[in-house]
Protein backbone atom coordinates (compact mmCIF):
# COMPACT_ATOMS: atom_id res chain seq x y z
CA UNK A 1 105.68 32.44 118.64
CA UNK A 2 103.28 30.34 116.63
CA UNK A 3 103.56 30.33 112.80
CA UNK A 4 100.74 32.19 112.37
CA UNK A 5 101.88 35.49 114.00
CA UNK A 6 105.64 34.59 112.26
CA UNK A 7 104.11 35.18 108.82
CA UNK A 8 102.17 37.95 110.39
CA UNK A 9 104.98 40.00 111.34
CA UNK A 10 107.34 38.77 108.24
CA UNK A 11 104.35 40.00 106.00
CA UNK A 12 104.57 43.67 107.86
CA UNK A 13 107.76 43.93 107.82
CA UNK A 14 107.71 43.28 103.73
CA UNK A 15 105.02 46.25 103.49
CA UNK A 16 107.16 48.45 105.59
CA UNK A 17 110.00 47.55 103.36
CA UNK A 18 108.36 48.04 100.22
CA UNK A 19 106.88 51.65 101.42
CA UNK A 20 110.32 52.62 102.33
CA UNK A 21 112.12 51.53 99.12
CA UNK A 22 109.12 53.56 96.82
CA UNK A 23 109.31 56.68 99.23
CA UNK A 24 113.54 56.42 98.80
CA UNK A 25 113.32 56.08 95.17
CA UNK A 26 110.71 58.60 94.45
CA UNK A 27 111.64 61.40 96.94
CA UNK A 28 114.99 63.27 97.41
CA UNK A 29 116.44 66.18 99.75
CA UNK A 30 116.41 69.52 98.36
CA UNK A 31 117.86 72.81 99.92
CA UNK A 32 115.88 75.74 99.03
CA UNK A 33 116.73 79.59 100.19
CA UNK A 34 113.45 81.40 101.50
CA UNK A 35 113.31 84.89 101.79
CA UNK A 36 112.50 85.98 105.35
CA UNK A 37 113.22 89.76 104.92
CA UNK A 38 115.65 91.75 107.20
CA UNK A 39 116.19 91.56 110.85
CA UNK A 40 117.14 93.77 113.54
CA UNK A 41 117.54 97.30 112.84
CA UNK A 42 117.43 96.64 109.46
CA UNK A 43 113.67 95.70 109.44
CA UNK A 44 113.23 99.46 110.79
CA UNK A 45 116.08 101.23 109.36
CA UNK A 46 115.47 101.46 105.77
CA UNK A 47 118.73 103.26 105.04
CA UNK A 48 121.03 101.19 107.30
CA UNK A 49 123.15 99.82 104.62
CA UNK A 50 123.89 103.59 103.38
CA UNK A 51 125.25 104.09 106.95
CA UNK A 52 126.99 101.01 106.92
CA UNK A 53 128.68 102.02 103.50
CA UNK A 54 129.91 105.61 104.66
CA UNK A 55 131.24 104.00 107.90
CA UNK A 56 133.32 101.75 106.09
CA UNK A 57 135.15 104.82 104.29
CA UNK A 58 135.59 106.41 107.80
CA UNK A 59 132.78 108.75 107.29
CA UNK A 60 130.61 109.69 110.42
CA UNK A 61 127.41 108.54 109.78
CA UNK A 62 123.83 108.56 111.73
CA UNK A 63 120.54 107.32 111.10
CA UNK A 64 117.15 108.90 112.44
CA UNK A 65 113.75 108.29 112.74
CA UNK A 66 112.03 112.09 112.32
CA UNK A 67 114.10 115.28 112.00
CA UNK A 68 113.99 116.32 115.79
CA UNK A 69 117.30 117.81 115.91
CA UNK A 70 119.82 119.34 113.14
CA UNK A 71 123.50 118.19 112.85
CA UNK A 72 126.19 120.37 112.49
CA UNK A 73 126.29 122.80 109.51
CA UNK A 74 129.63 121.13 108.04
CA UNK A 75 127.39 117.86 107.69
CA UNK A 76 124.85 116.29 104.84
CA UNK A 77 121.75 115.73 105.76
CA UNK A 78 119.68 113.14 103.32
CA UNK A 79 116.04 113.42 103.87
CA UNK A 80 114.55 110.80 101.46
CA UNK A 81 111.14 110.83 102.86
CA UNK A 82 108.17 112.73 101.91
CA UNK A 83 108.34 115.46 104.92
CA UNK A 84 104.72 115.25 105.41
CA UNK A 85 105.13 116.22 109.19
CA UNK A 86 107.41 119.79 108.12
CA UNK A 87 105.47 122.74 109.33
CA UNK A 88 106.22 126.35 108.46
CA UNK A 89 108.48 126.55 111.68
CA UNK A 90 110.74 123.37 110.89
CA UNK A 91 110.85 124.21 107.02
CA UNK A 92 112.33 127.44 108.31
CA UNK A 93 114.86 126.33 110.34
CA UNK A 94 115.75 123.63 107.87
CA UNK A 95 116.44 126.52 105.23
CA UNK A 96 118.66 128.63 107.76
CA UNK A 97 120.30 125.25 108.47
CA UNK A 98 121.41 125.09 104.69
CA UNK A 99 121.96 129.20 104.34
CA UNK A 100 124.55 128.30 107.34
CA UNK A 101 126.63 125.78 105.54
CA UNK A 102 125.14 123.09 105.41
CA UNK A 103 124.24 120.38 102.45
CA UNK A 104 120.71 118.86 102.28
CA UNK A 105 119.98 116.19 99.82
CA UNK A 106 115.85 115.82 99.39
CA UNK A 107 113.13 114.52 97.45
CA UNK A 108 110.20 116.90 96.33
CA UNK A 109 107.19 116.15 98.55
CA UNK A 110 104.90 116.21 95.30
CA UNK A 111 107.33 113.14 94.15
CA UNK A 112 105.14 110.84 96.59
CA UNK A 113 101.92 112.26 95.27
CA UNK A 114 99.96 110.12 92.28
CA UNK A 115 99.03 113.38 90.85
CA UNK A 116 102.50 115.35 91.35
CA UNK A 117 100.60 118.14 93.02
CA UNK A 118 101.42 118.17 96.66
CA UNK A 119 102.48 121.28 97.94
CA UNK A 120 106.46 121.51 98.81
CA UNK A 121 107.01 124.21 101.47
CA UNK A 122 110.71 123.64 101.15
CA UNK A 123 111.25 123.28 97.41
CA UNK A 124 108.30 125.04 95.94
CA UNK A 125 109.37 128.66 97.16
CA UNK A 126 113.00 127.75 95.36
CA UNK A 127 111.19 127.44 91.67
CA UNK A 128 111.89 123.17 92.03
CA UNK A 129 108.91 121.06 90.46
CA UNK A 130 108.08 117.92 89.47
CA UNK A 131 107.19 116.75 85.92
CA UNK A 132 105.07 113.62 85.20
CA UNK A 133 107.10 111.75 82.20
CA UNK A 134 103.82 110.33 80.32
CA UNK A 135 106.06 108.30 77.71
CA UNK A 136 109.48 107.41 79.54
CA UNK A 137 112.71 106.69 77.38
CA UNK A 138 115.06 105.36 79.97
CA UNK A 139 112.71 102.26 81.03
CA UNK A 140 114.18 103.26 84.30
CA UNK A 141 117.71 102.74 83.81
CA UNK A 142 119.94 105.94 83.79
CA UNK A 143 123.64 106.25 82.61
CA UNK A 144 125.18 108.70 84.71
CA UNK A 145 128.00 110.88 83.51
CA UNK A 146 129.24 112.83 86.30
CA UNK A 147 130.97 116.20 85.68
CA UNK A 148 134.53 116.08 86.10
CA UNK A 149 134.83 112.36 86.82
CA UNK A 150 135.56 109.37 84.72
CA UNK A 151 133.09 107.22 86.03
CA UNK A 152 129.70 106.10 84.23
CA UNK A 153 127.34 105.28 86.31
CA UNK A 154 123.96 103.07 86.01
CA UNK A 155 121.03 103.76 88.41
CA UNK A 156 117.78 102.64 88.51
CA UNK A 157 115.40 105.43 88.90
CA UNK A 158 111.54 106.16 88.79
CA UNK A 159 111.00 106.82 85.12
CA UNK A 160 107.77 108.54 85.50
CA UNK A 161 109.27 111.55 87.51
CA UNK A 162 111.81 114.26 86.54
CA UNK A 163 112.20 117.75 87.71
CA UNK A 164 111.45 121.13 86.49
CA UNK A 165 113.87 123.81 87.62
CA UNK A 166 112.79 126.23 85.00
CA UNK A 167 111.38 128.80 87.64
CA UNK A 168 114.26 128.74 90.26
CA UNK A 169 116.52 132.18 90.49
CA UNK A 170 119.01 130.29 92.53
CA UNK A 171 122.18 129.51 90.89
CA UNK A 172 122.52 126.46 89.85
CA UNK A 173 125.52 124.31 90.77
CA UNK A 174 124.93 120.90 88.90
CA UNK A 175 122.49 119.48 86.79
CA UNK A 176 121.93 115.87 85.42
CA UNK A 177 119.72 115.01 82.81
CA UNK A 178 118.58 112.18 80.57
CA UNK A 179 116.49 112.07 77.70
CA UNK A 180 113.11 112.18 79.72
CA UNK A 181 114.26 115.07 81.97
CA UNK A 182 116.40 116.51 85.15
CA UNK A 183 116.60 113.59 87.54
CA UNK A 184 119.15 115.72 90.15
CA UNK A 185 119.34 119.57 90.47
CA UNK A 186 121.84 121.29 92.72
CA UNK A 187 121.03 124.81 94.11
CA UNK A 188 123.42 127.32 96.14
CA UNK A 189 121.49 128.51 98.89
CA UNK A 190 123.28 130.98 100.99
CA UNK A 191 126.76 129.29 102.09
CA UNK A 192 125.06 125.86 101.67
CA UNK A 193 123.78 123.41 99.21
CA UNK A 194 120.57 121.98 98.22
CA UNK A 195 120.76 118.71 95.60
CA UNK A 196 117.28 118.00 94.92
CA UNK A 197 116.30 114.26 93.54
CA UNK A 198 113.77 112.89 91.32
CA UNK A 199 113.95 109.59 92.99
CA UNK A 200 116.18 108.06 95.83
CA UNK A 201 114.98 104.38 96.32
CA UNK A 202 118.54 103.60 95.09
CA UNK A 203 120.09 104.26 98.48
CA UNK A 204 117.62 102.15 100.38
CA UNK A 205 118.61 98.56 101.84
CA UNK A 206 116.96 96.56 99.30
CA UNK A 207 118.65 98.81 96.38
CA UNK A 208 122.02 100.03 97.26
CA UNK A 209 124.06 97.01 96.09
CA UNK A 210 122.39 96.87 92.67
CA UNK A 211 123.83 98.62 89.57
CA UNK A 212 126.53 101.40 90.62
CA UNK A 213 124.04 103.02 93.57
CA UNK A 214 126.85 103.02 96.10
CA UNK A 215 129.12 105.06 93.67
CA UNK A 216 126.13 107.17 92.91
CA UNK A 217 125.37 108.05 96.49
CA UNK A 218 128.89 108.77 97.05
CA UNK A 219 128.60 111.59 94.59
CA UNK A 220 125.65 112.72 96.02
CA UNK A 221 126.08 113.16 99.60
CA UNK A 222 129.86 114.33 99.34
CA UNK A 223 131.15 117.71 98.24
CA UNK A 224 134.60 117.29 97.72
CA UNK A 225 136.00 116.62 101.61
CA UNK A 226 134.56 114.27 103.48
CA UNK A 227 131.11 115.36 105.32
CA UNK A 228 129.53 113.54 108.18
CA UNK A 229 125.84 112.39 107.04
CA UNK A 230 122.92 112.17 108.68
CA UNK A 231 120.24 110.07 107.18
CA UNK A 232 116.28 110.54 108.04
CA UNK A 233 114.90 107.09 107.30
CA UNK A 234 111.18 107.84 108.02
CA UNK A 235 109.14 110.97 109.30
CA UNK A 236 107.85 111.55 112.54
CA UNK A 237 104.23 111.70 113.14
CA UNK A 238 102.89 115.10 112.91
CA UNK A 239 100.63 116.99 115.63
CA UNK A 240 97.24 115.48 115.54
CA UNK A 241 95.87 119.11 114.80
CA UNK A 242 97.81 119.21 111.45
CA UNK A 243 97.43 115.92 110.55
CA UNK A 244 93.24 116.74 110.86
CA UNK A 245 93.61 119.49 108.88
CA UNK A 246 95.64 118.18 106.11
CA UNK A 247 93.46 115.03 105.78
CA UNK A 248 90.25 115.59 107.50
CA UNK A 249 89.57 119.16 107.28
CA UNK A 250 86.14 118.01 105.92
CA UNK A 251 85.13 116.29 108.93
CA UNK A 252 86.11 119.03 110.95
CA UNK A 253 83.86 121.88 109.23
CA UNK A 254 81.13 119.35 109.34
CA UNK A 255 81.70 118.56 113.15
CA UNK A 256 81.82 122.26 113.88
CA UNK A 257 78.98 123.20 112.07
CA UNK A 258 76.95 120.21 114.13
CA UNK A 259 78.28 121.68 117.06
CA UNK A 260 77.38 125.11 116.63
CA UNK A 261 73.72 123.96 115.48
CA UNK A 262 73.54 121.68 118.70
CA UNK A 263 74.78 124.83 121.23
CA UNK A 264 72.15 126.95 119.03
CA UNK A 265 69.48 124.40 120.03
CA UNK A 266 70.52 123.82 123.58
CA UNK A 267 70.07 127.30 124.14
CA UNK A 268 66.40 128.00 123.08
CA UNK A 269 63.45 126.33 124.77
CA UNK A 270 59.59 126.13 123.60
CA UNK A 271 57.18 127.94 125.63
CA UNK A 272 58.12 128.39 129.51
CA UNK A 273 59.61 126.36 132.02
CA UNK A 274 57.41 123.75 133.94
CA UNK A 275 57.02 124.25 137.45
CA UNK A 276 58.57 121.24 139.61
CA UNK A 277 56.25 118.40 140.57
CA UNK A 278 55.72 118.70 144.47
CA UNK A 279 56.89 115.64 146.06
CA UNK A 280 53.82 113.58 147.09
CA UNK A 281 53.77 111.47 150.45
CA UNK A 282 52.32 107.89 149.19
CA UNK A 283 49.21 106.23 151.05
CA UNK A 284 49.35 103.67 153.88
CA UNK A 285 47.66 101.25 151.77
CA UNK A 286 50.43 101.48 149.01
CA UNK A 287 52.84 100.36 151.29
CA UNK A 288 51.03 97.63 152.62
CA UNK A 289 50.32 96.54 148.90
CA UNK A 290 54.07 96.94 148.04
CA UNK A 291 54.91 94.94 151.34
CA UNK A 292 52.22 91.76 150.32
CA UNK A 293 53.62 92.07 146.58
CA UNK A 294 57.12 91.37 148.02
CA UNK A 295 56.30 88.61 150.68
CA UNK A 296 54.23 86.55 147.84
CA UNK A 297 56.96 86.62 145.37
CA UNK A 298 59.56 85.90 148.19
CA UNK A 299 57.46 82.51 148.54
CA UNK A 300 55.53 83.72 151.69
CA UNK A 301 52.18 83.14 150.68
CA UNK A 302 51.13 81.01 153.35
CA UNK A 303 52.22 83.80 155.92
CA UNK A 304 49.85 86.65 154.67
CA UNK A 305 47.37 83.81 154.23
CA UNK A 306 47.91 82.93 158.07
CA UNK A 307 47.74 86.77 159.21
CA UNK A 308 44.37 87.37 157.22
CA UNK A 309 42.62 84.05 159.05
CA UNK A 310 43.83 85.20 162.33
CA UNK A 311 42.25 88.55 161.76
CA UNK A 312 39.41 86.93 160.93
CA UNK A 313 38.82 84.47 164.24
CA UNK A 314 39.57 87.39 166.04
CA UNK A 315 36.66 89.33 164.82
CA UNK A 316 34.41 86.13 165.21
CA UNK A 317 35.86 85.89 168.98
CA UNK A 318 34.68 89.59 169.40
CA UNK A 319 31.47 89.88 167.86
CA UNK A 320 30.03 85.95 167.95
CA UNK A 321 31.45 84.83 171.39
CA UNK A 322 28.90 81.92 171.04
CA UNK A 323 29.92 80.55 168.16
CA UNK A 324 33.61 79.73 169.80
CA UNK A 325 32.27 75.87 170.65
CA UNK A 326 29.85 74.68 167.12
CA UNK A 327 31.24 72.55 164.74
CA UNK A 328 33.40 73.61 161.84
CA UNK A 329 30.44 72.71 159.31
CA UNK A 330 28.11 74.84 161.62
CA UNK A 331 30.68 77.53 161.42
CA UNK A 332 30.68 77.37 157.52
CA UNK A 333 27.33 77.26 157.24
CA UNK A 334 26.61 80.27 159.41
CA UNK A 335 29.30 82.05 157.64
CA UNK A 336 27.73 81.41 154.61
CA UNK A 337 24.28 82.83 155.37
CA UNK A 338 25.74 85.75 157.01
CA UNK A 339 27.92 86.78 153.99
CA UNK A 340 26.34 85.03 151.02
CA UNK A 341 29.59 83.15 150.17
CA UNK A 342 29.29 79.96 149.17
CA UNK A 343 30.20 77.17 151.94
CA UNK A 344 33.00 75.27 150.00
CA UNK A 345 34.09 78.76 149.00
CA UNK A 346 34.59 79.71 152.70
CA UNK A 347 35.92 76.09 153.51
CA UNK A 348 38.80 76.54 150.74
CA UNK A 349 39.59 80.41 152.29
CA UNK A 350 39.81 78.75 155.85
CA UNK A 351 41.27 75.43 155.52
CA UNK A 352 43.62 74.93 152.41
CA UNK A 353 47.50 75.49 153.54
CA UNK A 354 48.71 76.03 149.97
CA UNK A 355 47.25 78.35 147.22
CA UNK A 356 48.99 77.39 144.00
CA UNK A 357 48.41 80.31 141.88
CA UNK A 358 48.54 84.07 142.75
CA UNK A 359 44.76 84.29 141.11
CA UNK A 360 43.89 81.55 143.97
CA UNK A 361 45.57 83.44 146.58
CA UNK A 362 43.65 86.87 146.15
CA UNK A 363 40.45 85.06 145.34
CA UNK A 364 40.84 83.47 149.10
CA UNK A 365 41.99 86.74 150.65
CA UNK A 366 38.88 88.51 149.00
CA UNK A 367 36.77 86.09 150.77
CA UNK A 368 37.95 86.60 154.25
CA UNK A 369 37.67 89.93 153.93
CA UNK A 370 34.22 89.72 152.40
CA UNK A 371 33.13 87.38 155.42
CA UNK A 372 35.00 89.62 158.27
CA UNK A 373 33.18 92.89 157.10
CA UNK A 374 29.60 91.07 157.34
CA UNK A 375 30.32 89.82 160.89
């Protein structure tokens, strides 16, 4: 190794060392926690933590997607969803289930509407409605004083939604209120109970561990003795016809009117029916012309020219057999005198083997045909 190469390597090592020292003195390793959201079943089931909570106390708990079947009448059914897919038939089945002894925990459907005007087929006949709080006093945190219990619980609720039970004719078993209004109303229905909540966000995975939400959930779900708990974490997809009638009824009406107008227009005609045109047989000349065009487009123009020249020579042999031994120049001159076509044009039509354009080809064929007819 030469001295020059040694100096270059030493200089590079010094530069790398300086960069490494600067990086080491200006940067440090740091650990940071990043929220990546829920995994597995918790990503889909927003009430999984509530289910695990009940199971930890030996309570049979089950989470379901959509209310496709009903639990036993001795269980508690919690439906914190908007229940948009529930038709009149399922609402009546749900009501009969409660009357048979079930405990239903629900949130009014109108609580999920920004205008609080959505019809609730289950709670409207019971006289339970939603009131909008314009200027809430609670600020979102409610101090819950559960009757016959020494526990004081702090629960986070939607400060702008409260319940109106003034029109109900059912027996009110429990009512919890604050300065903004009622946030829990429990009614007797047959042998069962309906617990209506103004807001049920406290029992979801991201909120259940906050404040005193788990203690409040236990009080809401259990009626003295331990009951099995079913939690409906999402609404099932409603039938297409019901969804269209609810969300796209204007489009259905417009489409129906357009269909009726089209059917009416299609059933009418202006004037008598036209007689069908008879099938016409094409002329032989049309077929010959079509065949010639096809051969020309297929690059067979020389074959067409060759056939036209042979037809002319056969006519010459029949009508002027004495011309068979004359020279080409004498033949061109006699054909020019007989047909009136210039001699140069006759020579092109009889001698040239390659005609570049369709115009030149057509002109040569016309020349040959004119000579043939003049013989």
